[in-house]
Amino acid sequence: MKRKASAVWQGDLKSGKGMITTESGVLSETQYSFSTRFENGIGTNPEELITAAHAGCFSMALSAELGKAGMTAELIQTTATLTLERLEIGWTVTRIHLDVSVKIPGADRAAFDAAANAAKTGCPISRLLNATITMDAKLQN
């Protein structure tokens, strides 16, 4: 399986602008720029797209791990927060924190924790990233 996305950039770093398009068409010439990445401009940025991908990937992986444990979640809500730091070698994604809230009436806490940890390490986006990935997983009964 292969997935494609493309980016076009015009101009210098600070005043230039770019557009991101995904093969599915969900993103079509979506704006990104220096201001959307390092300030508060309108548009997206690579780090925001990574956090969205990680939150979505983790949620699906957790659903799969819960299924292996005989559980089905009524709701999985995941928020990924990425930390981008300026290190000696340059701007670097140093960590991602996952805030997860899952509703499974009557769930076994130990089985839930095992499933959440397996999803955190097993999600393909987690394995892709060379960053420390942390998580808070909350179970609602």
N, C-alpha and C. Protein backbone atom coordinates (compact mmCIF):
# COMPACT_ATOMS: atom_id res chain seq x y z
N MET A 1 0.85 -1.17 0.00
CA MET A 1 0.00 0.00 0.00
C MET A 1 0.89 1.24 0.00
N LYS A 2 0.54 2.19 -0.81
CA LYS A 2 1.24 3.47 -0.85
C LYS A 2 0.22 4.59 -0.81
N ARG A 3 0.57 5.64 -0.12
CA ARG A 3 -0.26 6.85 -0.04
C ARG A 3 0.58 8.01 -0.52
N LYS A 4 -0.07 8.99 -1.15
CA LYS A 4 0.66 10.14 -1.69
C LYS A 4 0.08 11.45 -1.21
N ALA A 5 0.97 12.40 -1.04
CA ALA A 5 0.60 13.80 -0.79
C ALA A 5 1.68 14.64 -1.47
N SER A 6 1.33 15.84 -1.82
CA SER A 6 2.32 16.70 -2.47
C SER A 6 2.30 18.08 -1.84
N ALA A 7 3.43 18.75 -1.96
CA ALA A 7 3.56 20.11 -1.45
C ALA A 7 4.24 20.96 -2.50
N VAL A 8 3.77 22.18 -2.60
CA VAL A 8 4.37 23.17 -3.49
C VAL A 8 4.74 24.37 -2.63
N TRP A 9 5.94 24.89 -2.80
CA TRP A 9 6.39 26.06 -2.04
C TRP A 9 6.85 27.12 -3.01
N GLN A 10 6.48 28.37 -2.75
CA GLN A 10 6.92 29.50 -3.57
C GLN A 10 7.47 30.59 -2.68
N GLY A 11 8.67 31.06 -3.00
CA GLY A 11 9.25 32.18 -2.27
C GLY A 11 10.25 31.76 -1.21
N ASP A 12 10.68 32.75 -0.44
CA ASP A 12 11.65 32.47 0.62
C ASP A 12 10.92 31.91 1.84
N LEU A 13 11.68 31.55 2.86
CA LEU A 13 11.10 30.90 4.03
C LEU A 13 10.07 31.75 4.75
N LYS A 14 10.41 32.99 5.07
CA LYS A 14 9.51 33.79 5.92
C LYS A 14 8.34 34.42 5.19
N SER A 15 8.53 34.82 3.95
CA SER A 15 7.41 35.47 3.25
C SER A 15 6.78 34.57 2.19
N GLY A 16 7.37 33.42 1.96
CA GLY A 16 6.83 32.49 0.97
C GLY A 16 5.58 31.81 1.48
N LYS A 17 5.01 30.98 0.62
CA LYS A 17 3.82 30.23 1.01
C LYS A 17 3.79 28.94 0.23
N GLY A 18 3.02 28.01 0.77
CA GLY A 18 2.92 26.71 0.13
C GLY A 18 1.51 26.18 0.16
N MET A 19 1.33 25.07 -0.56
CA MET A 19 0.05 24.38 -0.60
C MET A 19 0.32 22.88 -0.49
N ILE A 20 -0.51 22.21 0.27
CA ILE A 20 -0.43 20.76 0.44
C ILE A 20 -1.69 20.15 -0.14
N THR A 21 -1.51 19.07 -0.90
CA THR A 21 -2.62 18.35 -1.49
C THR A 21 -2.44 16.86 -1.23
N THR A 22 -3.51 16.20 -0.82
CA THR A 22 -3.46 14.76 -0.61
C THR A 22 -4.13 14.03 -1.76
N GLU A 23 -3.69 12.81 -1.98
CA GLU A 23 -4.21 12.00 -3.07
C GLU A 23 -5.73 11.81 -2.96
N SER A 24 -6.23 11.70 -1.72
CA SER A 24 -7.66 11.49 -1.51
C SER A 24 -8.48 12.73 -1.85
N GLY A 25 -7.82 13.89 -1.85
CA GLY A 25 -8.53 15.14 -2.10
C GLY A 25 -9.06 15.80 -0.84
N VAL A 26 -8.89 15.16 0.31
CA VAL A 26 -9.35 15.76 1.57
C VAL A 26 -8.65 17.09 1.79
N LEU A 27 -7.35 17.12 1.50
CA LEU A 27 -6.62 18.39 1.48
C LEU A 27 -6.37 18.71 0.02
N SER A 28 -6.80 19.86 -0.41
CA SER A 28 -6.62 20.27 -1.80
C SER A 28 -6.10 21.70 -1.82
N GLU A 29 -4.82 21.82 -2.14
CA GLU A 29 -4.17 23.12 -2.16
C GLU A 29 -4.38 23.86 -0.83
N THR A 30 -4.22 23.12 0.27
CA THR A 30 -4.37 23.68 1.61
C THR A 30 -3.14 24.51 1.95
N GLN A 31 -3.35 25.73 2.38
CA GLN A 31 -2.27 26.68 2.63
C GLN A 31 -1.44 26.30 3.82
N TYR A 32 -0.13 26.48 3.68
CA TYR A 32 0.78 26.46 4.82
C TYR A 32 1.88 27.48 4.56
N SER A 33 2.47 27.98 5.65
CA SER A 33 3.47 29.04 5.52
C SER A 33 4.29 29.12 6.81
N PHE A 34 5.27 30.00 6.81
CA PHE A 34 6.07 30.23 8.02
C PHE A 34 5.15 30.65 9.16
N SER A 35 4.19 31.53 8.88
CA SER A 35 3.32 32.01 9.96
C SER A 35 2.39 30.92 10.48
N THR A 36 1.97 29.97 9.63
CA THR A 36 1.11 28.89 10.14
C THR A 36 1.93 27.86 10.89
N ARG A 37 3.23 27.87 10.69
CA ARG A 37 4.09 26.90 11.36
C ARG A 37 4.67 27.45 12.65
N PHE A 38 5.12 28.68 12.65
CA PHE A 38 5.84 29.21 13.81
C PHE A 38 5.10 30.35 14.50
N GLU A 39 3.98 30.79 13.94
CA GLU A 39 3.21 31.87 14.54
C GLU A 39 1.76 31.40 14.62
N ASN A 40 0.81 32.26 14.30
CA ASN A 40 -0.60 31.88 14.37
C ASN A 40 -1.34 32.23 13.09
N GLY A 41 -0.73 31.97 11.95
CA GLY A 41 -1.38 32.26 10.69
C GLY A 41 -2.49 31.28 10.36
N ILE A 42 -3.27 31.62 9.35
CA ILE A 42 -4.37 30.76 8.91
C ILE A 42 -3.83 29.73 7.93
N GLY A 43 -4.12 28.48 8.20
CA GLY A 43 -3.64 27.38 7.37
C GLY A 43 -3.12 26.27 8.26
N THR A 44 -2.46 25.30 7.67
CA THR A 44 -1.95 24.17 8.44
C THR A 44 -0.43 24.22 8.48
N ASN A 45 0.18 23.17 8.97
CA ASN A 45 1.63 23.06 9.00
C ASN A 45 2.00 21.59 9.14
N PRO A 46 3.22 21.22 8.81
CA PRO A 46 3.59 19.80 8.87
C PRO A 46 3.38 19.16 10.24
N GLU A 47 3.68 19.89 11.30
CA GLU A 47 3.53 19.31 12.64
C GLU A 47 2.06 19.05 12.99
N GLU A 48 1.18 19.95 12.58
CA GLU A 48 -0.25 19.74 12.81
C GLU A 48 -0.73 18.50 12.06
N LEU A 49 -0.24 18.32 10.84
CA LEU A 49 -0.64 17.15 10.06
C LEU A 49 -0.12 15.86 10.71
N ILE A 50 1.08 15.90 11.26
CA ILE A 50 1.62 14.73 11.96
C ILE A 50 0.79 14.41 13.19
N THR A 51 0.39 15.43 13.96
CA THR A 51 -0.41 15.16 15.15
C THR A 51 -1.77 14.58 14.77
N ALA A 52 -2.36 15.09 13.70
CA ALA A 52 -3.65 14.54 13.25
C ALA A 52 -3.49 13.08 12.82
N ALA A 53 -2.43 12.81 12.08
CA ALA A 53 -2.17 11.43 11.64
C ALA A 53 -1.93 10.52 12.83
N HIS A 54 -1.18 11.00 13.81
CA HIS A 54 -0.88 10.16 14.98
C HIS A 54 -2.13 9.90 15.81
N ALA A 55 -2.95 10.92 16.03
CA ALA A 55 -4.19 10.74 16.80
C ALA A 55 -5.11 9.74 16.10
N GLY A 56 -5.25 9.88 14.79
CA GLY A 56 -6.12 8.96 14.05
C GLY A 56 -5.57 7.55 14.02
N CYS A 57 -4.29 7.40 13.78
CA CYS A 57 -3.65 6.09 13.74
C CYS A 57 -3.75 5.40 15.09
N PHE A 58 -3.44 6.12 16.15
CA PHE A 58 -3.50 5.54 17.49
C PHE A 58 -4.92 5.08 17.82
N SER A 59 -5.91 5.91 17.51
CA SER A 59 -7.30 5.55 17.83
C SER A 59 -7.71 4.25 17.15
N MET A 60 -7.31 4.11 15.89
CA MET A 60 -7.61 2.86 15.17
C MET A 60 -6.85 1.68 15.75
N ALA A 61 -5.57 1.90 16.09
CA ALA A 61 -4.76 0.82 16.68
C ALA A 61 -5.34 0.40 18.02
N LEU A 62 -5.79 1.37 18.82
CA LEU A 62 -6.39 1.03 20.11
C LEU A 62 -7.67 0.23 19.92
N SER A 63 -8.48 0.61 18.96
CA SER A 63 -9.69 -0.16 18.68
C SER A 63 -9.35 -1.61 18.34
N ALA A 64 -8.30 -1.80 17.55
CA ALA A 64 -7.88 -3.16 17.18
C ALA A 64 -7.38 -3.92 18.41
N GLU A 65 -6.56 -3.28 19.24
CA GLU A 65 -6.03 -3.94 20.44
C GLU A 65 -7.15 -4.27 21.43
N LEU A 66 -8.11 -3.38 21.57
CA LEU A 66 -9.25 -3.67 22.45
C LEU A 66 -10.03 -4.87 21.93
N GLY A 67 -10.20 -4.94 20.61
CA GLY A 67 -10.89 -6.08 20.00
C GLY A 67 -10.19 -7.39 20.31
N LYS A 68 -8.86 -7.38 20.25
CA LYS A 68 -8.09 -8.59 20.59
C LYS A 68 -8.34 -9.02 22.03
N ALA A 69 -8.63 -8.04 22.90
CA ALA A 69 -8.88 -8.32 24.31
C ALA A 69 -10.36 -8.55 24.60
N GLY A 70 -11.18 -8.62 23.55
CA GLY A 70 -12.61 -8.88 23.71
C GLY A 70 -13.42 -7.67 24.15
N MET A 71 -12.89 -6.47 23.91
CA MET A 71 -13.59 -5.25 24.29
C MET A 71 -13.89 -4.40 23.06
N THR A 72 -15.00 -3.69 23.10
CA THR A 72 -15.34 -2.74 22.05
C THR A 72 -15.66 -1.40 22.71
N ALA A 73 -14.95 -0.38 22.29
CA ALA A 73 -15.17 0.95 22.86
C ALA A 73 -16.40 1.60 22.25
N GLU A 74 -17.16 2.27 23.08
CA GLU A 74 -18.25 3.10 22.58
C GLU A 74 -17.68 4.37 21.96
N LEU A 75 -16.55 4.83 22.53
CA LEU A 75 -15.95 6.08 22.07
C LEU A 75 -14.47 6.10 22.42
N ILE A 76 -13.65 6.48 21.46
CA ILE A 76 -12.22 6.71 21.69
C ILE A 76 -11.95 8.13 21.23
N GLN A 77 -11.47 8.97 22.14
CA GLN A 77 -11.09 10.35 21.80
C GLN A 77 -9.60 10.51 22.07
N THR A 78 -8.86 10.90 21.04
CA THR A 78 -7.41 11.05 21.18
C THR A 78 -6.99 12.43 20.70
N THR A 79 -6.20 13.10 21.52
CA THR A 79 -5.58 14.36 21.13
C THR A 79 -4.07 14.16 21.21
N ALA A 80 -3.38 14.46 20.13
CA ALA A 80 -1.92 14.37 20.09
C ALA A 80 -1.36 15.78 20.18
N THR A 81 -0.37 15.96 21.04
CA THR A 81 0.31 17.24 21.19
C THR A 81 1.78 17.04 20.89
N LEU A 82 2.25 17.70 19.87
CA LEU A 82 3.63 17.58 19.41
C LEU A 82 4.47 18.71 19.97
N THR A 83 5.68 18.39 20.39
CA THR A 83 6.62 19.41 20.85
C THR A 83 7.72 19.54 19.81
N LEU A 84 7.88 20.75 19.31
CA LEU A 84 8.92 21.08 18.34
C LEU A 84 9.90 22.00 19.05
N GLU A 85 11.15 21.57 19.15
CA GLU A 85 12.15 22.36 19.88
C GLU A 85 13.31 22.71 18.97
N ARG A 86 13.89 23.86 19.24
CA ARG A 86 15.08 24.27 18.50
C ARG A 86 16.30 23.72 19.24
N LEU A 87 16.90 22.70 18.68
CA LEU A 87 18.09 22.08 19.25
C LEU A 87 19.32 22.57 18.50
N GLU A 88 20.47 22.16 18.95
CA GLU A 88 21.72 22.55 18.30
C GLU A 88 21.73 22.15 16.82
N ILE A 89 21.12 21.00 16.51
CA ILE A 89 21.10 20.53 15.12
C ILE A 89 19.98 21.17 14.30
N GLY A 90 19.09 21.92 14.92
CA GLY A 90 17.98 22.58 14.24
C GLY A 90 16.65 22.20 14.85
N TRP A 91 15.57 22.67 14.24
CA TRP A 91 14.22 22.38 14.74
C TRP A 91 13.99 20.88 14.69
N THR A 92 13.51 20.32 15.81
CA THR A 92 13.35 18.88 15.94
C THR A 92 12.07 18.56 16.69
N VAL A 93 11.31 17.59 16.18
CA VAL A 93 10.18 17.06 16.93
C VAL A 93 10.79 16.17 18.02
N THR A 94 10.62 16.58 19.25
CA THR A 94 11.24 15.85 20.35
C THR A 94 10.29 14.92 21.08
N ARG A 95 8.99 15.19 21.01
CA ARG A 95 8.05 14.29 21.67
C ARG A 95 6.63 14.56 21.19
N ILE A 96 5.82 13.55 21.41
CA ILE A 96 4.38 13.65 21.17
C ILE A 96 3.69 13.05 22.38
N HIS A 97 2.71 13.77 22.90
CA HIS A 97 1.93 13.27 24.03
C HIS A 97 0.52 12.95 23.52
N LEU A 98 0.04 11.79 23.87
CA LEU A 98 -1.32 11.37 23.50
C LEU A 98 -2.21 11.47 24.72
N ASP A 99 -3.28 12.25 24.63
CA ASP A 99 -4.32 12.29 25.65
C ASP A 99 -5.47 11.47 25.10
N VAL A 100 -5.80 10.41 25.80
CA VAL A 100 -6.79 9.46 25.30
C VAL A 100 -7.88 9.28 26.34
N SER A 101 -9.11 9.34 25.89
CA SER A 101 -10.26 9.06 26.74
C SER A 101 -11.11 8.02 26.02
N VAL A 102 -11.39 6.93 26.71
CA VAL A 102 -12.09 5.81 26.08
C VAL A 102 -13.28 5.42 26.94
N LYS A 103 -14.43 5.22 26.31
CA LYS A 103 -15.63 4.79 27.04
C LYS A 103 -15.90 3.33 26.72
N ILE A 104 -15.75 2.49 27.75
CA ILE A 104 -16.05 1.06 27.65
C ILE A 104 -16.73 0.64 28.95
N PRO A 105 -18.04 0.59 28.97
CA PRO A 105 -18.73 0.18 30.20
C PRO A 105 -18.27 -1.21 30.67
N GLY A 106 -17.93 -1.31 31.95
CA GLY A 106 -17.57 -2.59 32.55
C GLY A 106 -16.20 -3.12 32.16
N ALA A 107 -15.35 -2.29 31.61
CA ALA A 107 -14.04 -2.75 31.14
C ALA A 107 -13.10 -3.11 32.28
N ASP A 108 -12.24 -4.05 32.02
CA ASP A 108 -11.18 -4.42 32.95
C ASP A 108 -10.02 -3.45 32.78
N ARG A 109 -9.61 -2.79 33.86
CA ARG A 109 -8.57 -1.76 33.77
C ARG A 109 -7.23 -2.32 33.29
N ALA A 110 -6.83 -3.45 33.78
CA ALA A 110 -5.53 -4.03 33.38
C ALA A 110 -5.53 -4.38 31.90
N ALA A 111 -6.62 -4.93 31.40
CA ALA A 111 -6.70 -5.27 29.98
C ALA A 111 -6.72 -4.01 29.13
N PHE A 112 -7.41 -2.98 29.63
CA PHE A 112 -7.42 -1.70 28.91
C PHE A 112 -6.02 -1.10 28.84
N ASP A 113 -5.32 -1.06 29.97
CA ASP A 113 -3.97 -0.50 29.99
C ASP A 113 -3.04 -1.24 29.04
N ALA A 114 -3.14 -2.58 29.02
CA ALA A 114 -2.31 -3.38 28.13
C ALA A 114 -2.62 -3.04 26.67
N ALA A 115 -3.89 -2.90 26.35
CA ALA A 115 -4.29 -2.57 24.97
C ALA A 115 -3.80 -1.18 24.59
N ALA A 116 -3.93 -0.22 25.49
CA ALA A 116 -3.49 1.16 25.20
C ALA A 116 -1.99 1.21 24.97
N ASN A 117 -1.22 0.51 25.80
CA ASN A 117 0.23 0.50 25.62
C ASN A 117 0.65 -0.22 24.35
N ALA A 118 -0.04 -1.29 23.99
CA ALA A 118 0.26 -1.99 22.74
C ALA A 118 -0.05 -1.09 21.55
N ALA A 119 -1.14 -0.33 21.63
CA ALA A 119 -1.49 0.59 20.54
C ALA A 119 -0.47 1.72 20.43
N LYS A 120 0.00 2.21 21.57
CA LYS A 120 0.97 3.32 21.56
C LYS A 120 2.26 2.91 20.86
N THR A 121 2.73 1.71 21.11
CA THR A 121 3.98 1.27 20.48
C THR A 121 3.75 0.64 19.12
N GLY A 122 2.55 0.12 18.88
CA GLY A 122 2.30 -0.61 17.64
C GLY A 122 1.71 0.19 16.50
N CYS A 123 1.17 1.35 16.79
CA CYS A 123 0.59 2.19 15.74
C CYS A 123 1.68 2.54 14.72
N PRO A 124 1.43 2.39 13.42
CA PRO A 124 2.46 2.67 12.43
C PRO A 124 3.05 4.08 12.51
N ILE A 125 2.26 5.07 12.88
CA ILE A 125 2.80 6.43 12.99
C ILE A 125 3.71 6.53 14.20
N SER A 126 3.39 5.83 15.30
CA SER A 126 4.30 5.80 16.45
C SER A 126 5.64 5.22 16.04
N ARG A 127 5.61 4.14 15.29
CA ARG A 127 6.86 3.50 14.86
C ARG A 127 7.63 4.36 13.87
N LEU A 128 6.95 5.21 13.14
CA LEU A 128 7.59 6.09 12.17
C LEU A 128 8.40 7.19 12.84
N LEU A 129 7.90 7.72 13.92
CA LEU A 129 8.48 8.90 14.54
C LEU A 129 9.69 8.57 15.40
N ASN A 130 10.72 9.37 15.26
CA ASN A 130 11.92 9.24 16.07
C ASN A 130 11.83 10.27 17.19
N ALA A 131 10.84 10.07 18.05
CA ALA A 131 10.58 11.00 19.14
C ALA A 131 10.07 10.21 20.33
N THR A 132 10.20 10.78 21.50
CA THR A 132 9.61 10.17 22.68
C THR A 132 8.11 10.37 22.59
N ILE A 133 7.36 9.30 22.75
CA ILE A 133 5.91 9.37 22.68
C ILE A 133 5.37 8.98 24.05
N THR A 134 4.60 9.88 24.65
CA THR A 134 4.00 9.63 25.96
C THR A 134 2.49 9.63 25.82
N MET A 135 1.81 9.20 26.86
CA MET A 135 0.37 9.06 26.76
C MET A 135 -0.26 9.12 28.14
N ASP A 136 -1.46 9.70 28.23
CA ASP A 136 -2.36 9.57 29.36
C ASP A 136 -3.62 8.92 28.82
N ALA A 137 -3.96 7.75 29.28
CA ALA A 137 -5.15 7.04 28.79
C ALA A 137 -6.16 6.94 29.92
N LYS A 138 -7.34 7.49 29.69
CA LYS A 138 -8.39 7.49 30.70
C LYS A 138 -9.51 6.55 30.27
N LEU A 139 -9.97 5.75 31.19
CA LEU A 139 -11.07 4.81 30.93
C LEU A 139 -12.31 5.33 31.62
N GLN A 140 -13.39 5.46 30.85
CA GLN A 140 -14.69 5.85 31.41
C GLN A 140 -15.59 4.63 31.39
N ASN A 141 -16.16 4.31 32.50
CA ASN A 141 -17.09 3.17 32.55
C ASN A 141 -18.51 3.65 32.46
